N, C-alpha and C. Protein backbone atom coordinates (compact mmCIF):
# COMPACT_ATOMS: atom_id res chain seq x y z
N UNK A 1 6.65 -15.66 17.48
CA UNK A 1 6.71 -15.33 16.08
C UNK A 1 5.73 -14.21 15.73
N UNK A 2 4.56 -14.28 16.32
CA UNK A 2 3.52 -13.28 16.08
C UNK A 2 3.97 -11.89 16.51
N UNK A 3 4.65 -11.81 17.66
CA UNK A 3 5.12 -10.52 18.17
C UNK A 3 6.17 -9.92 17.24
N UNK A 4 7.05 -10.77 16.68
CA UNK A 4 8.08 -10.27 15.78
C UNK A 4 7.46 -9.72 14.49
N UNK A 5 6.45 -10.38 13.99
CA UNK A 5 5.78 -9.93 12.78
C UNK A 5 5.07 -8.60 13.02
N UNK A 6 4.41 -8.48 14.14
CA UNK A 6 3.74 -7.22 14.49
C UNK A 6 4.77 -6.10 14.63
N UNK A 7 5.88 -6.40 15.29
CA UNK A 7 6.93 -5.39 15.46
C UNK A 7 7.53 -5.00 14.11
N UNK A 8 7.75 -5.96 13.22
CA UNK A 8 8.28 -5.67 11.89
C UNK A 8 7.33 -4.77 11.11
N UNK A 9 6.05 -5.09 11.11
CA UNK A 9 5.06 -4.29 10.38
C UNK A 9 4.99 -2.88 10.97
N UNK A 10 5.06 -2.78 12.28
CA UNK A 10 5.01 -1.48 12.93
C UNK A 10 6.23 -0.63 12.57
N UNK A 11 7.41 -1.22 12.61
CA UNK A 11 8.63 -0.49 12.28
C UNK A 11 8.63 -0.08 10.81
N UNK A 12 8.26 -0.99 9.93
CA UNK A 12 8.23 -0.69 8.50
C UNK A 12 7.25 0.43 8.19
N UNK A 13 6.07 0.37 8.77
CA UNK A 13 5.08 1.42 8.51
C UNK A 13 5.52 2.75 9.10
N UNK A 14 6.21 2.73 10.23
CA UNK A 14 6.71 3.97 10.83
C UNK A 14 7.79 4.59 9.95
N UNK A 15 8.68 3.78 9.41
CA UNK A 15 9.73 4.28 8.52
C UNK A 15 9.10 4.89 7.26
N UNK A 16 8.12 4.21 6.68
CA UNK A 16 7.44 4.76 5.51
C UNK A 16 6.69 6.04 5.83
N UNK A 17 6.07 6.10 6.99
CA UNK A 17 5.34 7.28 7.44
C UNK A 17 6.29 8.47 7.54
N UNK A 18 7.45 8.25 8.17
CA UNK A 18 8.45 9.31 8.33
C UNK A 18 8.99 9.73 6.97
N UNK A 19 9.24 8.77 6.08
CA UNK A 19 9.74 9.09 4.74
C UNK A 19 8.73 9.94 3.97
N UNK A 20 7.46 9.62 4.09
CA UNK A 20 6.43 10.42 3.43
C UNK A 20 6.37 11.84 4.00
N UNK A 21 6.50 11.96 5.31
CA UNK A 21 6.50 13.29 5.92
C UNK A 21 7.72 14.09 5.50
N UNK A 22 8.88 13.44 5.43
CA UNK A 22 10.09 14.12 4.96
C UNK A 22 9.90 14.60 3.53
N UNK A 23 9.28 13.78 2.71
CA UNK A 23 9.04 14.18 1.32
C UNK A 23 8.12 15.39 1.25
N UNK A 24 7.08 15.41 2.07
CA UNK A 24 6.16 16.54 2.06
C UNK A 24 6.89 17.81 2.50
N UNK A 25 7.62 17.74 3.60
CA UNK A 25 8.31 18.92 4.10
C UNK A 25 9.44 19.35 3.16
N UNK A 26 10.10 18.41 2.51
CA UNK A 26 11.18 18.78 1.60
C UNK A 26 10.65 19.45 0.33
N UNK A 27 9.38 19.21 0.01
CA UNK A 27 8.82 19.86 -1.17
C UNK A 27 8.66 21.37 -0.96
N UNK A 28 8.69 21.81 0.28
CA UNK A 28 8.59 23.22 0.58
C UNK A 28 9.96 23.92 0.50
N UNK A 29 11.03 23.13 0.43
CA UNK A 29 12.38 23.67 0.39
C UNK A 29 12.94 23.57 -1.02
N UNK A 30 13.92 24.40 -1.29
CA UNK A 30 14.60 24.35 -2.58
C UNK A 30 15.94 23.67 -2.36
N UNK A 31 15.98 22.35 -2.56
CA UNK A 31 17.19 21.57 -2.35
C UNK A 31 17.74 21.17 -3.71
N UNK A 32 18.91 21.68 -4.04
CA UNK A 32 19.53 21.38 -5.32
C UNK A 32 20.54 20.26 -5.20
N UNK A 33 21.11 19.85 -6.33
CA UNK A 33 22.08 18.74 -6.33
C UNK A 33 23.35 19.04 -5.54
N UNK A 34 23.63 20.30 -5.28
CA UNK A 34 24.84 20.64 -4.52
C UNK A 34 24.60 20.64 -3.01
N UNK A 35 23.36 20.52 -2.60
CA UNK A 35 23.02 20.53 -1.18
C UNK A 35 23.47 19.24 -0.50
N UNK A 36 23.92 19.33 0.76
CA UNK A 36 24.28 18.10 1.48
C UNK A 36 23.07 17.20 1.77
N UNK A 37 21.87 17.76 1.69
CA UNK A 37 20.65 16.97 1.93
C UNK A 37 20.20 16.20 0.69
N UNK A 38 20.76 16.53 -0.46
CA UNK A 38 20.29 15.94 -1.72
C UNK A 38 20.37 14.41 -1.73
N UNK A 39 21.47 13.78 -1.28
CA UNK A 39 21.51 12.30 -1.31
C UNK A 39 20.43 11.67 -0.43
N UNK A 40 20.15 12.28 0.71
CA UNK A 40 19.12 11.75 1.62
C UNK A 40 17.75 11.89 0.97
N UNK A 41 17.48 13.07 0.41
CA UNK A 41 16.18 13.29 -0.22
C UNK A 41 16.01 12.44 -1.47
N UNK A 42 17.09 12.15 -2.15
CA UNK A 42 17.03 11.27 -3.31
C UNK A 42 16.57 9.87 -2.89
N UNK A 43 17.10 9.38 -1.78
CA UNK A 43 16.67 8.07 -1.26
C UNK A 43 15.21 8.11 -0.83
N UNK A 44 14.82 9.19 -0.17
CA UNK A 44 13.43 9.34 0.28
C UNK A 44 12.49 9.33 -0.93
N UNK A 45 12.86 10.03 -1.99
CA UNK A 45 12.03 10.04 -3.20
C UNK A 45 11.96 8.66 -3.83
N UNK A 46 13.07 7.92 -3.86
CA UNK A 46 13.06 6.58 -4.44
C UNK A 46 12.20 5.61 -3.63
N UNK A 47 12.14 5.81 -2.33
CA UNK A 47 11.34 4.93 -1.47
C UNK A 47 9.85 5.28 -1.57
N UNK A 48 9.53 6.56 -1.65
CA UNK A 48 8.13 6.97 -1.59
C UNK A 48 7.43 7.03 -2.95
N UNK A 49 8.18 7.20 -4.03
CA UNK A 49 7.54 7.33 -5.35
C UNK A 49 6.73 6.10 -5.75
N UNK A 50 7.20 4.86 -5.48
CA UNK A 50 6.35 3.71 -5.82
C UNK A 50 5.02 3.67 -5.05
N UNK A 51 4.96 4.34 -3.94
CA UNK A 51 3.72 4.41 -3.17
C UNK A 51 2.83 5.52 -3.71
N UNK A 52 3.42 6.66 -4.04
CA UNK A 52 2.64 7.83 -4.42
C UNK A 52 2.18 7.81 -5.88
N UNK A 53 2.96 7.24 -6.78
CA UNK A 53 2.62 7.26 -8.21
C UNK A 53 1.27 6.61 -8.51
N UNK A 54 0.98 5.42 -7.99
CA UNK A 54 -0.34 4.83 -8.27
C UNK A 54 -1.49 5.64 -7.68
N UNK A 55 -1.25 6.26 -6.54
CA UNK A 55 -2.30 7.10 -5.93
C UNK A 55 -2.56 8.32 -6.79
N UNK A 56 -1.50 8.92 -7.34
CA UNK A 56 -1.65 10.08 -8.21
C UNK A 56 -2.44 9.75 -9.47
N UNK A 57 -2.27 8.54 -9.98
CA UNK A 57 -3.01 8.15 -11.19
C UNK A 57 -4.51 8.04 -10.92
N UNK A 58 -4.89 7.72 -9.69
CA UNK A 58 -6.30 7.54 -9.35
C UNK A 58 -6.95 8.85 -8.92
N UNK A 59 -6.21 9.69 -8.19
CA UNK A 59 -6.78 10.94 -7.69
C UNK A 59 -7.01 11.94 -8.83
N UNK A 60 -8.07 12.72 -8.72
CA UNK A 60 -8.27 13.77 -9.73
C UNK A 60 -7.24 14.88 -9.54
N UNK A 61 -6.89 15.56 -10.60
CA UNK A 61 -5.92 16.66 -10.55
C UNK A 61 -6.58 17.88 -9.90
N UNK A 62 -5.87 18.49 -8.97
CA UNK A 62 -6.35 19.69 -8.29
C UNK A 62 -5.36 20.83 -8.49
N UNK A 63 -4.92 21.02 -9.70
CA UNK A 63 -3.96 22.08 -9.99
C UNK A 63 -2.60 21.73 -9.42
N UNK A 64 -2.05 22.65 -8.65
CA UNK A 64 -0.72 22.46 -8.06
C UNK A 64 -0.78 21.66 -6.75
N UNK A 65 -1.95 21.38 -6.25
CA UNK A 65 -2.11 20.68 -4.97
C UNK A 65 -2.03 19.17 -5.18
N UNK A 66 -1.08 18.54 -4.48
CA UNK A 66 -0.89 17.10 -4.56
C UNK A 66 -1.37 16.46 -3.26
N UNK A 67 -2.48 15.78 -3.32
CA UNK A 67 -3.04 15.15 -2.12
C UNK A 67 -2.58 13.70 -1.93
N UNK A 68 -1.76 13.21 -2.84
CA UNK A 68 -1.34 11.81 -2.75
C UNK A 68 -0.58 11.47 -1.46
N UNK A 69 0.27 12.35 -0.92
CA UNK A 69 0.92 12.00 0.36
C UNK A 69 -0.09 11.85 1.50
N UNK A 70 -1.11 12.71 1.53
CA UNK A 70 -2.10 12.61 2.59
C UNK A 70 -2.88 11.31 2.47
N UNK A 71 -3.26 10.94 1.25
CA UNK A 71 -3.96 9.68 1.03
C UNK A 71 -3.06 8.50 1.40
N UNK A 72 -1.78 8.58 1.04
CA UNK A 72 -0.84 7.51 1.36
C UNK A 72 -0.68 7.35 2.87
N UNK A 73 -0.61 8.46 3.59
CA UNK A 73 -0.48 8.39 5.05
C UNK A 73 -1.72 7.76 5.68
N UNK A 74 -2.89 8.13 5.19
CA UNK A 74 -4.12 7.54 5.71
C UNK A 74 -4.21 6.05 5.38
N UNK A 75 -3.87 5.68 4.15
CA UNK A 75 -3.88 4.26 3.78
C UNK A 75 -2.87 3.45 4.57
N UNK A 76 -1.70 4.03 4.78
CA UNK A 76 -0.66 3.34 5.54
C UNK A 76 -1.12 3.08 6.97
N UNK A 77 -1.74 4.06 7.59
CA UNK A 77 -2.26 3.89 8.95
C UNK A 77 -3.34 2.83 8.99
N UNK A 78 -4.26 2.86 8.02
CA UNK A 78 -5.34 1.88 7.97
C UNK A 78 -4.81 0.48 7.74
N UNK A 79 -3.90 0.33 6.78
CA UNK A 79 -3.35 -1.00 6.47
C UNK A 79 -2.57 -1.55 7.64
N UNK A 80 -1.79 -0.70 8.31
CA UNK A 80 -1.02 -1.17 9.47
C UNK A 80 -1.95 -1.68 10.57
N UNK A 81 -2.98 -0.91 10.90
CA UNK A 81 -3.87 -1.34 11.98
C UNK A 81 -4.65 -2.59 11.58
N UNK A 82 -5.08 -2.69 10.33
CA UNK A 82 -5.80 -3.89 9.88
C UNK A 82 -4.88 -5.11 9.91
N UNK A 83 -3.64 -4.96 9.44
CA UNK A 83 -2.69 -6.07 9.41
C UNK A 83 -2.38 -6.56 10.83
N UNK A 84 -2.15 -5.62 11.73
CA UNK A 84 -1.84 -5.98 13.12
C UNK A 84 -3.04 -6.67 13.75
N UNK A 85 -4.24 -6.18 13.47
CA UNK A 85 -5.46 -6.80 14.00
C UNK A 85 -5.63 -8.21 13.47
N UNK A 86 -5.30 -8.43 12.19
CA UNK A 86 -5.42 -9.78 11.61
C UNK A 86 -4.37 -10.71 12.21
N UNK A 87 -3.15 -10.22 12.39
CA UNK A 87 -2.08 -11.07 12.94
C UNK A 87 -2.36 -11.48 14.37
N UNK A 88 -2.82 -10.51 15.16
CA UNK A 88 -3.05 -10.81 16.58
C UNK A 88 -4.37 -11.54 16.80
N UNK A 89 -5.22 -11.52 15.79
CA UNK A 89 -6.46 -12.30 15.79
C UNK A 89 -7.34 -11.95 16.91
């Protein structure tokens, strides 16, 4: 049971990590509603916004620079390693 929980947490955190990276890289592109990538990016935004919005409220504003994805990636890595360490005891 312990191995399945560790594997689940690892897979979930990896999917969130990839979604956050896709969101960062997609912000550099101009993807409109007519683009074939739009439905995928819409899902990525819906998955990542609940993670990034609270971080944005806490971080100070730095003009056009949004550091919330970087903070989210660091927190995700820390939480995953702490959770796995607690589970495996």
